N, C-alpha and C. Protein backbone atom coordinates (compact mmCIF):
# COMPACT_ATOMS: atom_id res chain seq x y z
N UNK A 1 0.74 -0.97 0.19
CA UNK A 1 -0.09 0.00 0.16
C UNK A 1 0.72 1.05 -0.03
N UNK A 2 1.89 1.56 0.65
CA UNK A 2 2.75 2.47 0.70
C UNK A 2 4.14 2.02 1.09
N UNK A 3 4.98 2.42 -0.17
CA UNK A 3 6.64 2.00 0.18
C UNK A 3 6.93 2.24 1.48
N UNK A 4 8.29 1.59 1.96
CA UNK A 4 9.01 1.74 3.19
C UNK A 4 9.14 3.07 3.31
N UNK A 5 9.69 3.92 2.08
CA UNK A 5 10.31 5.20 2.22
C UNK A 5 9.19 6.21 2.01
N UNK A 6 7.96 6.03 2.31
CA UNK A 6 6.96 7.08 2.24
C UNK A 6 6.77 7.35 3.97
N UNK A 7 6.55 8.65 4.11
CA UNK A 7 6.17 9.20 5.36
C UNK A 7 5.14 8.41 6.23
N UNK A 8 4.39 8.12 5.43
CA UNK A 8 3.22 7.42 6.49
C UNK A 8 3.05 6.04 6.35
N UNK A 9 4.22 5.23 5.88
CA UNK A 9 4.53 3.86 5.85
C UNK A 9 4.35 3.43 7.62
N UNK A 10 5.15 3.65 8.43
CA UNK A 10 5.14 3.17 9.74
C UNK A 10 3.91 3.62 10.54
N UNK A 11 3.27 4.42 10.12
CA UNK A 11 1.71 4.99 10.83
C UNK A 11 1.01 4.05 10.43
N UNK A 12 0.69 3.54 9.02
CA UNK A 12 -0.38 2.70 8.67
C UNK A 12 0.16 1.39 8.92
N UNK A 13 1.28 0.80 8.82
CA UNK A 13 1.79 -0.45 9.67
C UNK A 13 1.22 -0.40 10.83
N UNK A 14 1.64 0.57 11.82
CA UNK A 14 1.39 0.43 13.12
C UNK A 14 -0.32 0.21 13.50
N UNK A 15 -0.82 1.24 12.77
CA UNK A 15 -2.37 1.38 13.10
C UNK A 15 -2.98 0.20 12.45
N UNK A 16 -2.54 -0.59 11.42
CA UNK A 16 -3.21 -1.81 10.85
C UNK A 16 -2.98 -3.02 11.59
N UNK A 17 -1.96 -3.25 12.59
CA UNK A 17 -1.17 -4.09 13.17
C UNK A 17 -1.56 -4.09 14.79
N UNK A 18 -1.66 -3.00 15.05
CA UNK A 18 -1.87 -2.84 16.82
C UNK A 18 -3.52 -2.81 16.90
N UNK A 19 -4.07 -3.68 17.67
CA UNK A 19 -5.35 -3.37 18.24
C UNK A 19 -5.65 -2.10 19.06
N UNK A 20 -6.13 -0.96 18.52
CA UNK A 20 -6.63 -0.06 19.42
C UNK A 20 -7.80 -0.05 19.80
N UNK A 21 -8.18 0.02 21.51
CA UNK A 21 -9.28 -0.11 21.81
C UNK A 21 -10.23 1.28 21.96
N UNK A 22 -9.43 2.39 22.04
CA UNK A 22 -10.04 3.63 22.50
C UNK A 22 -9.28 4.73 21.57
N UNK A 23 -9.90 5.73 21.14
CA UNK A 23 -9.41 6.67 20.43
C UNK A 23 -8.75 6.60 19.14
N UNK A 24 -9.76 5.98 18.27
CA UNK A 24 -9.12 5.68 16.95
C UNK A 24 -8.87 6.53 16.15
N UNK A 25 -7.73 6.41 15.48
CA UNK A 25 -7.35 7.91 14.71
C UNK A 25 -8.31 7.66 13.19
N UNK A 26 -8.07 8.77 12.34
CA UNK A 26 -8.90 8.62 10.94
C UNK A 26 -8.18 7.52 10.41
N UNK A 27 -6.89 7.50 10.28
CA UNK A 27 -6.01 6.64 9.56
C UNK A 27 -6.46 4.99 9.98
N UNK A 28 -6.97 4.81 11.45
CA UNK A 28 -7.28 3.57 11.83
C UNK A 28 -8.82 3.04 11.24
N UNK A 29 -9.54 4.20 11.28
CA UNK A 29 -10.93 4.03 10.77
C UNK A 29 -10.77 3.43 9.27
N UNK A 30 -9.88 4.28 8.30
CA UNK A 30 -9.78 3.72 7.04
C UNK A 30 -9.25 2.53 6.81
N UNK A 31 -8.25 2.32 7.68
CA UNK A 31 -7.99 0.78 7.29
C UNK A 31 -9.20 -0.07 7.65
N UNK A 32 -9.91 -0.10 8.55
CA UNK A 32 -10.72 -1.05 9.21
C UNK A 32 -11.67 -1.03 8.32
N UNK A 33 -12.39 0.27 8.03
CA UNK A 33 -13.45 0.38 7.16
C UNK A 33 -13.46 -0.44 5.81
N UNK A 34 -12.05 -0.32 5.17
CA UNK A 34 -12.25 -0.88 3.82
C UNK A 34 -11.25 -2.48 4.13
N UNK A 35 -11.26 -2.70 5.24
CA UNK A 35 -10.72 -4.01 5.73
C UNK A 35 -9.32 -4.34 5.00
N UNK A 36 -8.41 -3.42 5.12
CA UNK A 36 -7.07 -3.07 4.39
C UNK A 36 -6.24 -3.66 5.23
N UNK A 37 -5.25 -4.44 4.33
CA UNK A 37 -4.04 -5.24 5.36
C UNK A 37 -2.85 -4.77 4.70
N UNK A 38 -1.88 -3.77 5.02
CA UNK A 38 -0.99 -3.39 4.49
C UNK A 38 0.21 -4.38 4.00
N UNK A 39 -0.06 -5.56 4.11
CA UNK A 39 1.06 -6.50 4.19
C UNK A 39 0.53 -7.31 2.99
N UNK A 40 -0.94 -7.31 2.55
CA UNK A 40 -1.63 -8.25 1.41
C UNK A 40 -1.56 -7.43 0.36
N UNK A 41 -1.32 -5.81 0.04
CA UNK A 41 -1.86 -5.12 -0.74
C UNK A 41 -0.53 -4.95 -1.60
N UNK A 42 -0.51 -4.57 -2.93
CA UNK A 42 0.66 -4.43 -3.84
C UNK A 42 0.94 -2.94 -3.44
N UNK A 43 2.69 -2.96 -3.12
CA UNK A 43 3.18 -1.48 -2.74
C UNK A 43 3.51 -0.76 -4.27
N UNK A 44 3.01 0.29 -4.73
CA UNK A 44 3.63 1.08 -5.67
C UNK A 44 4.39 2.00 -5.22
N UNK A 45 5.56 2.10 -5.67
CA UNK A 45 6.28 3.30 -5.16
C UNK A 45 5.84 4.87 -6.09
N UNK A 46 5.74 5.69 -5.12
CA UNK A 46 5.44 7.18 -5.35
C UNK A 46 6.50 7.59 -6.34
N UNK A 47 6.00 8.14 -7.63
CA UNK A 47 6.78 8.62 -8.43
C UNK A 47 6.77 10.11 -8.41
N UNK A 48 8.10 10.63 -8.51
CA UNK A 48 8.49 11.95 -8.36
C UNK A 48 8.51 12.56 -9.76
N UNK A 49 8.08 14.01 -9.76
CA UNK A 49 7.65 14.32 -10.90
C UNK A 49 8.27 15.93 -10.79
N UNK A 50 9.11 16.64 -11.75
CA UNK A 50 9.39 17.76 -11.90
C UNK A 50 8.36 18.83 -11.99
N UNK A 51 7.68 19.50 -11.14
CA UNK A 51 6.83 20.59 -11.35
C UNK A 51 7.19 21.23 -12.66
N UNK A 52 8.20 21.49 -13.14
CA UNK A 52 8.47 22.44 -14.12
C UNK A 52 8.34 21.60 -15.76
N UNK A 53 8.09 20.24 -15.65
CA UNK A 53 7.98 19.54 -16.59
C UNK A 53 6.50 19.18 -16.91
N UNK A 54 5.80 19.54 -15.80
CA UNK A 54 4.35 19.11 -16.42
C UNK A 54 3.67 19.85 -17.39
N UNK A 55 3.13 18.90 -18.36
CA UNK A 55 2.76 19.58 -19.64
C UNK A 55 3.94 19.52 -20.74
N UNK A 56 5.10 19.36 -20.50
CA UNK A 56 6.19 19.38 -21.32
C UNK A 56 6.31 17.76 -21.87
N UNK A 57 6.11 17.57 -23.11
CA UNK A 57 6.51 16.11 -24.01
C UNK A 57 7.50 15.71 -23.93
N UNK A 58 7.96 14.85 -23.59
CA UNK A 58 9.75 14.42 -23.95
C UNK A 58 10.08 14.01 -25.16
N UNK A 59 9.36 14.16 -26.16
CA UNK A 59 9.40 13.27 -27.41
C UNK A 59 8.92 14.40 -28.37
N UNK A 60 9.22 14.36 -29.67
CA UNK A 60 8.81 15.26 -30.75
C UNK A 60 7.53 14.61 -31.31
N UNK A 61 6.46 15.29 -31.89
CA UNK A 61 5.50 14.55 -32.41
C UNK A 61 5.50 15.08 -34.04
N UNK A 62 5.04 14.37 -34.93
CA UNK A 62 5.11 14.76 -36.24
C UNK A 62 3.74 14.05 -36.82
N UNK A 63 2.54 14.85 -37.45
CA UNK A 63 1.53 14.06 -38.16
C UNK A 63 1.72 14.77 -39.64
N UNK A 64 2.10 13.79 -40.24
CA UNK A 64 2.27 14.48 -41.91
C UNK A 64 0.58 14.66 -42.59
N UNK A 65 0.58 15.72 -43.45
CA UNK A 65 -0.53 15.81 -44.20
C UNK A 65 -1.15 14.86 -44.82
N UNK A 66 -0.42 13.88 -45.40
CA UNK A 66 -1.41 12.89 -46.05
C UNK A 66 -0.67 11.36 -46.27
N UNK A 67 -1.55 10.36 -46.55
CA UNK A 67 -0.78 8.89 -46.36
C UNK A 67 0.66 8.80 -47.00
N UNK A 68 0.80 9.24 -48.16
CA UNK A 68 1.96 9.45 -49.08
C UNK A 68 3.06 10.25 -48.21
N UNK A 69 2.95 11.07 -47.64
CA UNK A 69 3.75 11.92 -47.11
C UNK A 69 4.28 11.03 -45.48
N UNK A 70 3.32 10.57 -44.96
CA UNK A 70 3.56 9.73 -43.75
C UNK A 70 4.51 8.46 -44.00
N UNK A 71 4.12 7.78 -45.38
CA UNK A 71 4.90 6.66 -45.70
C UNK A 71 6.46 7.33 -45.99
N UNK A 72 6.53 8.54 -46.81
CA UNK A 72 7.92 8.80 -46.90
C UNK A 72 8.87 9.10 -45.82
N UNK A 73 8.14 9.72 -44.67
CA UNK A 73 8.53 10.32 -43.51
C UNK A 73 9.08 9.05 -42.81
N UNK A 74 8.24 8.06 -42.89
CA UNK A 74 8.66 6.70 -42.22
C UNK A 74 10.04 6.02 -42.83
N UNK A 75 9.88 6.05 -44.06
CA UNK A 75 11.26 5.41 -44.84
C UNK A 75 12.43 6.62 -44.64
N UNK A 76 12.44 7.97 -44.61
CA UNK A 76 13.29 8.81 -44.27
C UNK A 76 13.76 8.83 -42.84
N UNK A 77 13.08 8.32 -41.98
CA UNK A 77 13.73 8.65 -40.40
C UNK A 77 14.78 7.93 -40.40
N UNK A 78 15.64 8.59 -39.62
CA UNK A 78 16.93 8.22 -39.21
C UNK A 78 17.09 7.60 -37.85
N UNK A 79 15.91 7.11 -37.57
CA UNK A 79 16.22 6.43 -35.90
C UNK A 79 16.47 5.26 -36.25
N UNK A 80 17.28 4.58 -35.57
CA UNK A 80 18.13 2.95 -35.60
C UNK A 80 16.76 2.04 -35.33
N UNK A 81 15.87 2.33 -34.77
CA UNK A 81 14.92 1.33 -34.17
C UNK A 81 13.37 2.07 -34.38
N UNK A 82 12.59 1.40 -35.22
CA UNK A 82 11.01 2.10 -35.33
C UNK A 82 10.21 0.83 -34.72
N UNK A 83 9.32 1.62 -34.37
CA UNK A 83 7.96 0.77 -33.84
C UNK A 83 6.84 1.09 -34.43
N UNK A 84 5.98 0.30 -34.97
CA UNK A 84 4.69 0.68 -35.62
C UNK A 84 3.61 -0.03 -34.68
N UNK A 85 2.41 0.93 -34.28
CA UNK A 85 1.41 0.46 -33.35
C UNK A 85 -0.04 0.77 -34.15
N UNK A 86 -0.72 -0.18 -33.74
CA UNK A 86 -1.99 -0.23 -34.22
C UNK A 86 -3.22 -0.55 -33.28
N UNK A 87 -4.54 -0.05 -33.10
CA UNK A 87 -5.32 -0.69 -32.10
C UNK A 87 -6.41 -0.57 -33.27
N UNK A 88 -7.28 -1.67 -33.06
CA UNK A 88 -8.57 -1.98 -33.88
C UNK A 88 -9.65 -2.93 -33.27
N UNK A 89 -10.80 -3.11 -33.77
CA UNK A 89 -12.19 -3.62 -33.33
C UNK A 89 -12.60 -4.61 -34.55
N UNK A 90 -12.27 -5.76 -34.65
CA UNK A 90 -12.63 -6.67 -35.64
C UNK A 90 -13.22 -8.03 -35.11
N UNK A 91 -14.52 -8.10 -35.89
CA UNK A 91 -15.64 -9.05 -35.30
C UNK A 91 -16.14 -8.94 -33.88
N UNK A 92 -16.12 -7.60 -33.41
CA UNK A 92 -16.66 -7.45 -32.22
C UNK A 92 -15.71 -7.65 -31.14
N UNK A 93 -14.40 -7.91 -31.20
CA UNK A 93 -13.10 -7.80 -30.29
C UNK A 93 -12.44 -6.74 -30.69
N UNK A 94 -11.90 -6.31 -29.28
CA UNK A 94 -10.99 -5.01 -29.56
C UNK A 94 -9.22 -5.40 -29.34
N UNK A 95 -8.44 -5.22 -29.80
CA UNK A 95 -7.18 -5.48 -29.49
C UNK A 95 -6.28 -4.32 -30.10
N UNK A 96 -4.92 -4.75 -29.67
CA UNK A 96 -3.70 -3.73 -30.12
C UNK A 96 -2.57 -4.88 -30.55
N UNK A 97 -1.60 -4.12 -31.27
CA UNK A 97 -0.43 -4.74 -31.45
C UNK A 97 0.68 -3.67 -31.76
N UNK A 98 1.87 -4.04 -31.39
CA UNK A 98 2.99 -3.31 -32.03
C UNK A 98 4.12 -4.14 -32.52
N UNK A 99 4.69 -3.60 -33.34
CA UNK A 99 5.86 -4.38 -34.13
C UNK A 99 7.29 -3.58 -34.10
N UNK A 100 8.30 -3.89 -33.83
CA UNK A 100 9.64 -3.09 -33.64
C UNK A 100 10.84 -3.72 -34.65
N UNK A 101 11.14 -2.94 -35.20
CA UNK A 101 11.78 -2.91 -36.66
C UNK A 101 13.20 -2.48 -36.37
N UNK A 102 14.28 -3.34 -36.46
CA UNK A 102 15.80 -2.78 -36.50
C UNK A 102 16.39 -3.34 -37.59
N UNK A 103 17.47 -2.60 -38.21
CA UNK A 103 18.08 -3.14 -39.35
C UNK A 103 19.28 -4.22 -39.01
N UNK A 104 19.09 -5.44 -39.63
CA UNK A 104 19.72 -6.48 -39.60
C UNK A 104 19.52 -7.44 -38.53
N UNK A 105 18.46 -7.01 -37.90
CA UNK A 105 18.00 -7.89 -36.70
C UNK A 105 16.33 -8.50 -36.80
N UNK A 106 15.99 -9.67 -36.36
CA UNK A 106 14.68 -10.05 -36.49
C UNK A 106 13.66 -9.03 -35.83
N UNK A 107 12.35 -8.86 -36.47
CA UNK A 107 11.45 -8.21 -35.61
C UNK A 107 10.85 -8.63 -34.50
N UNK A 108 10.37 -7.78 -33.68
CA UNK A 108 9.79 -8.24 -32.40
C UNK A 108 8.45 -7.58 -32.34
N UNK A 109 7.29 -8.44 -31.92
CA UNK A 109 5.93 -8.23 -31.91
C UNK A 109 5.15 -8.46 -30.73
N UNK A 110 4.52 -7.66 -30.20
CA UNK A 110 3.59 -7.69 -28.86
C UNK A 110 2.26 -7.59 -29.52
N UNK A 111 0.99 -8.26 -28.95
CA UNK A 111 -0.25 -8.00 -29.11
C UNK A 111 -1.00 -8.16 -27.84
N UNK A 112 -1.93 -7.43 -27.71
CA UNK A 112 -3.33 -7.43 -26.59
C UNK A 112 -4.31 -7.57 -26.92
N UNK A 113 -5.14 -8.50 -26.13
CA UNK A 113 -6.92 -8.58 -26.58
C UNK A 113 -7.49 -7.82 -25.47
N UNK A 114 -7.96 -6.84 -25.68
CA UNK A 114 -8.69 -5.98 -24.56
C UNK A 114 -9.68 -6.57 -24.08
N UNK A 115 -10.99 -6.84 -24.78
CA UNK A 115 -11.97 -7.23 -24.66
C UNK A 115 -13.15 -7.35 -25.72
N UNK A 116 -14.37 -7.39 -25.54
CA UNK A 116 -15.30 -7.09 -26.37
C UNK A 116 -15.44 -5.73 -26.72
N UNK A 117 -16.30 -5.54 -28.12
CA UNK A 117 -16.29 -4.35 -28.29
C UNK A 117 -16.92 -3.25 -27.43
N UNK A 118 -18.17 -3.77 -26.57
CA UNK A 118 -19.00 -2.93 -25.67
C UNK A 118 -18.24 -2.35 -24.74
N UNK A 119 -17.41 -3.12 -24.25
CA UNK A 119 -16.47 -2.66 -23.01
C UNK A 119 -15.42 -1.57 -23.62
N UNK A 120 -14.50 -1.68 -24.50
CA UNK A 120 -13.61 -0.69 -24.71
C UNK A 120 -13.67 -0.14 -26.25
N UNK A 121 -13.12 1.06 -26.42
CA UNK A 121 -12.96 1.60 -27.68
C UNK A 121 -11.81 1.36 -28.42
N UNK A 122 -11.87 1.78 -29.70
CA UNK A 122 -10.67 1.59 -30.56
C UNK A 122 -9.83 2.59 -30.00
N UNK A 123 -10.05 3.72 -29.68
CA UNK A 123 -9.25 4.74 -29.34
C UNK A 123 -8.67 4.22 -27.98
N UNK A 124 -9.20 3.57 -26.95
CA UNK A 124 -8.11 2.75 -25.93
C UNK A 124 -7.23 1.80 -26.56
N UNK A 125 -7.77 1.16 -27.52
CA UNK A 125 -7.04 0.34 -27.95
C UNK A 125 -5.52 0.76 -28.87
N UNK A 126 -6.17 1.89 -29.42
CA UNK A 126 -4.85 2.66 -29.92
C UNK A 126 -3.64 3.08 -28.88
N UNK A 127 -4.08 3.65 -27.43
CA UNK A 127 -3.34 3.93 -26.56
C UNK A 127 -2.42 2.70 -26.03
N UNK A 128 -3.36 1.60 -25.97
CA UNK A 128 -2.60 0.55 -25.49
C UNK A 128 -1.44 -0.14 -26.61
N UNK A 129 -1.92 0.06 -27.78
CA UNK A 129 -0.84 -0.20 -28.79
C UNK A 129 0.46 0.69 -28.51
N UNK A 130 0.32 1.96 -28.30
CA UNK A 130 1.58 2.75 -27.95
C UNK A 130 2.12 2.30 -26.59
N UNK A 131 1.65 1.53 -25.72
CA UNK A 131 2.00 1.30 -24.61
C UNK A 131 2.45 -0.13 -24.89
N UNK A 132 2.07 -0.68 -25.73
CA UNK A 132 2.91 -1.90 -26.15
C UNK A 132 4.18 -1.57 -26.72
N UNK A 133 4.23 -0.53 -27.82
CA UNK A 133 5.63 0.05 -28.22
C UNK A 133 6.45 0.39 -27.56
N UNK A 134 5.96 1.11 -26.35
CA UNK A 134 6.95 1.58 -25.45
C UNK A 134 7.53 0.64 -24.59
N UNK A 135 6.99 -0.64 -24.56
CA UNK A 135 7.29 -1.96 -23.91
C UNK A 135 8.35 -2.56 -24.53
N UNK A 136 8.03 -2.54 -25.65
CA UNK A 136 9.08 -3.47 -27.02
C UNK A 136 10.30 -2.27 -26.97
N UNK A 137 10.41 -0.93 -26.65
CA UNK A 137 11.22 -0.09 -26.72
C UNK A 137 12.04 -0.24 -25.48
N UNK A 138 11.43 -0.24 -24.28
CA UNK A 138 11.98 -0.49 -23.20
C UNK A 138 12.84 -1.94 -22.84
N UNK A 139 12.84 -2.68 -23.83
CA UNK A 139 13.38 -4.26 -23.88
C UNK A 139 14.59 -3.61 -24.63
N UNK A 140 14.86 -3.01 -25.38
CA UNK A 140 15.97 -2.66 -26.45
C UNK A 140 17.15 -2.24 -25.42
N UNK A 141 18.33 -2.30 -25.80
CA UNK A 141 19.68 -1.72 -25.24
C UNK A 141 19.74 -0.42 -25.88
N UNK A 142 19.92 0.61 -25.07
CA UNK A 142 19.42 1.84 -25.51
C UNK A 142 20.94 2.60 -25.58
N UNK A 143 21.71 2.64 -25.19
CA UNK A 143 23.12 2.92 -25.51
C UNK A 143 23.21 4.32 -26.66
N UNK A 144 22.21 5.07 -26.57
CA UNK A 144 22.38 6.37 -27.84
C UNK A 144 21.84 5.92 -29.00
N UNK A 145 20.77 4.99 -28.94
CA UNK A 145 20.01 4.60 -29.65
C UNK A 145 18.73 5.45 -29.74
N UNK A 146 17.95 5.93 -31.17
CA UNK A 146 17.19 6.97 -30.98
C UNK A 146 15.80 5.83 -31.56
N UNK A 147 14.67 6.50 -31.31
CA UNK A 147 13.52 5.44 -31.30
C UNK A 147 12.41 6.46 -32.18
N UNK A 148 11.78 5.64 -33.05
CA UNK A 148 10.56 6.26 -33.70
C UNK A 148 9.23 5.15 -33.40
N UNK A 149 8.36 6.05 -33.20
CA UNK A 149 7.16 5.28 -32.87
C UNK A 149 6.14 5.93 -33.67
N UNK A 150 5.30 4.83 -34.66
CA UNK A 150 4.50 5.37 -35.22
C UNK A 150 2.84 4.64 -35.24
N UNK A 151 1.97 5.80 -35.47
CA UNK A 151 0.70 5.62 -35.13
C UNK A 151 -0.52 5.89 -36.48
N UNK A 152 -1.42 5.39 -36.83
CA UNK A 152 -2.08 5.67 -37.79
C UNK A 152 -3.25 6.39 -36.98
N UNK A 153 -3.21 6.84 -35.81
CA UNK A 153 -4.59 7.49 -35.19
C UNK A 153 -4.15 8.88 -34.71
N UNK A 154 -4.58 9.96 -35.55
CA UNK A 154 -4.35 11.39 -34.98
C UNK A 154 -4.89 11.62 -34.00
N UNK A 155 -6.19 11.24 -33.29
CA UNK A 155 -6.87 11.50 -32.37
C UNK A 155 -5.67 11.09 -30.98
N UNK A 156 -5.21 9.81 -30.99
CA UNK A 156 -4.36 9.48 -29.83
C UNK A 156 -3.13 9.98 -30.07
N UNK A 157 -2.53 10.39 -31.28
CA UNK A 157 -1.45 11.26 -31.18
C UNK A 157 -1.65 12.67 -30.72
N UNK A 158 -2.74 13.35 -30.78
CA UNK A 158 -3.17 14.75 -30.69
C UNK A 158 -3.46 14.53 -28.96
N UNK A 159 -3.83 13.55 -28.28
CA UNK A 159 -4.15 13.38 -26.96
C UNK A 159 -2.83 13.88 -26.17
N UNK A 160 -1.76 13.73 -26.79
CA UNK A 160 -0.64 14.09 -25.97
C UNK A 160 -0.55 15.56 -25.69
N UNK A 161 -1.13 16.18 -26.51
CA UNK A 161 -0.92 17.81 -26.52
C UNK A 161 -2.23 18.21 -25.65
N UNK A 162 -2.87 17.59 -25.22
CA UNK A 162 -3.87 17.98 -24.20
C UNK A 162 -3.50 17.87 -22.78
N UNK A 163 -4.41 18.36 -21.90
CA UNK A 163 -3.65 18.37 -20.47
C UNK A 163 -3.89 16.96 -19.82
N UNK A 164 -4.42 16.07 -20.44
CA UNK A 164 -4.41 14.60 -19.93
C UNK A 164 -5.00 14.60 -18.83
N UNK A 165 -6.11 15.39 -18.55
CA UNK A 165 -7.11 15.47 -17.23
C UNK A 165 -8.24 14.72 -17.39
N UNK A 166 -8.76 14.67 -18.84
CA UNK A 166 -10.00 14.11 -18.97
C UNK A 166 -10.30 12.51 -18.77
N UNK A 167 -11.46 12.22 -18.38
CA UNK A 167 -11.84 10.88 -18.47
C UNK A 167 -11.09 9.81 -19.41
N UNK A 168 -10.33 8.71 -19.34
CA UNK A 168 -9.83 7.93 -20.49
C UNK A 168 -8.50 8.29 -20.83
N UNK A 169 -8.02 9.56 -20.32
CA UNK A 169 -6.70 9.77 -20.83
C UNK A 169 -5.73 9.13 -19.67
N UNK A 170 -6.01 8.27 -18.89
CA UNK A 170 -5.58 7.59 -17.77
C UNK A 170 -3.97 6.83 -18.67
N UNK A 171 -4.45 6.45 -19.71
CA UNK A 171 -3.55 5.29 -20.61
C UNK A 171 -2.50 6.38 -21.14
N UNK A 172 -2.60 7.81 -21.77
CA UNK A 172 -2.04 8.24 -22.15
C UNK A 172 -0.99 8.95 -21.33
């Protein structure tokens, strides 16, 4: 629930382990109300973020005017590793895929079936495709290598220019 380096870790652990008969704290009520045991809950470390970088995208976005320009840009890309992603809904099923291309090496691919079409949208599948592409990139030896990630969905790409605070932007 809370990593050991979190300020409240010790307090939460004590409140949940020790049985307090009187003068229950708010923390104690919360843990008991939701029947939470800090030892059996996944612990997610808190991520630090530089406030000056909020809203700053750490990558370059390019949206070509038409299909031919997009193909030309992909062929002329100087990046050593290219990843192409896509999300779609076919026959009532929603899924995403990503493929990593490196010159002189075999391709790597990942795919993920989200669920049925009523539960998920193609937009969500496109974002999951980007996450799959980033997972492929994270498995590469970085050592000065540049990466290009291509997607065919402008709405997904433009989502990174928004404030990412709307519902459904948790994936972006």
